[in-house]
Protein backbone atom coordinates (compact mmCIF):
# COMPACT_ATOMS: atom_id res chain seq x y z
CA MET A 1 3.46 -15.54 2.94
CA SER A 2 6.33 -14.26 0.72
CA VAL A 3 5.94 -11.34 -1.92
CA SER A 4 6.35 -13.97 -4.58
CA GLU A 5 3.15 -15.81 -3.16
CA LEU A 6 0.88 -12.77 -3.57
CA PRO A 7 -1.69 -12.78 -6.13
CA ILE A 8 -0.34 -9.57 -7.94
CA ARG A 9 3.19 -8.98 -9.30
CA ILE A 10 5.10 -6.51 -6.96
CA ASP A 11 8.41 -4.93 -8.77
CA ARG A 12 10.27 -4.40 -5.26
CA GLU A 13 12.72 -2.07 -6.76
CA ARG A 14 10.00 0.29 -8.58
CA ILE A 15 8.13 0.06 -5.36
CA ALA A 16 11.10 1.05 -3.26
CA ALA A 17 11.84 3.95 -5.53
CA PHE A 18 8.23 5.07 -5.32
CA CYS A 19 8.26 5.09 -1.57
CA ARG A 20 11.73 7.01 -1.23
CA GLU A 21 10.66 9.78 -3.65
CA ARG A 22 7.68 10.38 -1.39
CA GLY A 23 8.82 10.15 1.92
CA ILE A 24 6.86 6.72 2.58
CA LEU A 25 8.66 4.97 5.45
CA ARG A 26 6.36 1.68 5.17
CA LEU A 27 3.96 0.71 2.54
CA SER A 28 1.85 -2.58 3.38
CA LEU A 29 -0.88 -4.31 2.09
CA PHE A 30 -3.98 -5.53 3.96
CA GLY A 31 -7.57 -7.07 3.03
CA SER A 32 -8.43 -9.36 0.35
CA VAL A 33 -5.03 -9.45 -1.49
CA LEU A 34 -3.72 -11.53 1.24
CA ARG A 35 -6.79 -14.02 1.51
CA ASP A 36 -8.37 -16.79 -0.69
CA ASP A 37 -11.24 -14.57 -1.77
CA PHE A 38 -9.09 -12.02 -3.75
CA ASP A 39 -10.58 -11.93 -7.44
CA ALA A 40 -7.67 -11.34 -9.70
CA VAL A 41 -10.10 -9.50 -12.23
CA ARG A 42 -12.22 -7.33 -10.03
CA SER A 43 -10.45 -7.03 -6.58
CA GLY A 44 -8.64 -3.98 -5.69
CA VAL A 45 -5.69 -3.65 -3.57
CA ASP A 46 -5.87 -2.26 0.08
CA VAL A 47 -2.62 -0.32 0.83
CA LEU A 48 -1.48 1.54 3.95
CA ALA A 49 1.16 4.38 3.27
CA GLU A 50 3.07 5.22 6.54
CA TYR A 51 4.84 8.63 5.77
CA GLU A 52 7.47 10.49 7.66
CA PRO A 53 5.74 13.30 9.63
CA GLU A 54 7.40 15.86 7.47
CA SER A 55 6.14 14.34 4.23
CA LEU A 56 2.60 14.55 5.23
CA LYS A 57 2.93 18.27 5.79
CA GLY A 58 1.15 20.27 2.75
CA LEU A 59 0.30 16.49 0.97
CA GLY A 60 -3.15 17.50 0.24
CA TRP A 61 -4.56 16.41 -3.24
CA ASP A 62 -1.18 15.08 -3.91
CA ILE A 63 -2.35 11.93 -2.20
CA ILE A 64 -4.66 11.29 -5.10
CA VAL A 65 -1.43 11.27 -7.34
CA HIS A 66 0.27 9.01 -5.26
CA ARG A 67 -2.68 6.62 -5.22
CA GLU A 68 -2.79 6.53 -9.04
CA ALA A 69 0.78 6.04 -9.53
CA LEU A 70 0.68 3.24 -7.26
CA SER A 71 -2.32 1.90 -8.90
CA HIS A 72 -0.18 1.87 -12.30
CA LEU A 73 2.57 0.09 -10.49
CA LEU A 74 0.54 -2.73 -9.07
CA GLY A 75 -1.55 -2.80 -12.39
CA ARG A 76 -5.12 -2.50 -10.62
CA THR A 77 -7.28 0.03 -8.67
CA VAL A 78 -5.52 0.79 -4.91
CA ASP A 79 -7.58 1.78 -1.85
CA TYR A 80 -4.90 4.09 -0.39
CA CYS A 81 -4.69 5.20 3.34
CA THR A 82 -2.50 6.92 5.23
CA ARG A 83 -3.54 5.91 8.51
CA LEU A 84 -6.37 3.19 9.79
CA HIS A 85 -9.48 4.24 11.17
CA PRO A 86 -9.71 3.28 14.73
CA LEU A 87 -12.88 1.08 14.32
CA ILE A 88 -10.63 -1.11 11.85
CA ALA A 89 -7.25 -0.70 13.26
CA ALA A 90 -7.48 -3.64 15.86
CA ARG A 91 -8.90 -5.92 12.95
CA VAL A 92 -6.25 -5.10 10.18
CA ARG A 93 -2.99 -4.25 12.16
CA HIS A 94 -2.46 -8.17 12.56
CA GLN A 95 -2.75 -8.57 9.05
CA LEU A 96 -0.58 -6.01 7.38
CA PHE A 97 1.98 -7.10 4.83
CA PRO A 98 4.73 -4.80 4.39
CA ILE A 99 6.17 -4.51 0.96
CA TYR A 100 8.60 -1.81 1.67
CA GLU A 101 10.13 -0.80 4.67
CA ARG A 102 12.92 1.96 4.77
CA PRO A 103 16.05 0.50 5.92
């Protein structure tokens, strides 16, 4: 799958700027946005944001601001996480679809 095949519009340059400004090393999609059962009207987008370790220090409530900014960029609700819970990590790791990776 490529970015152009996703059921949502991804502006790679705006996503890259979003990530650079916040110290995000990798931003990946997972869940229904990568499957045929994605509902273009109702479905949110599951996102894993992997930060530089020093960027996570003191992040606190800013994580909510980051989620809202990304929701605005993607034009839909975002379920935003910075790590995967161990109970779902094994199921999800193989399906992560990076939309940004720091060079």
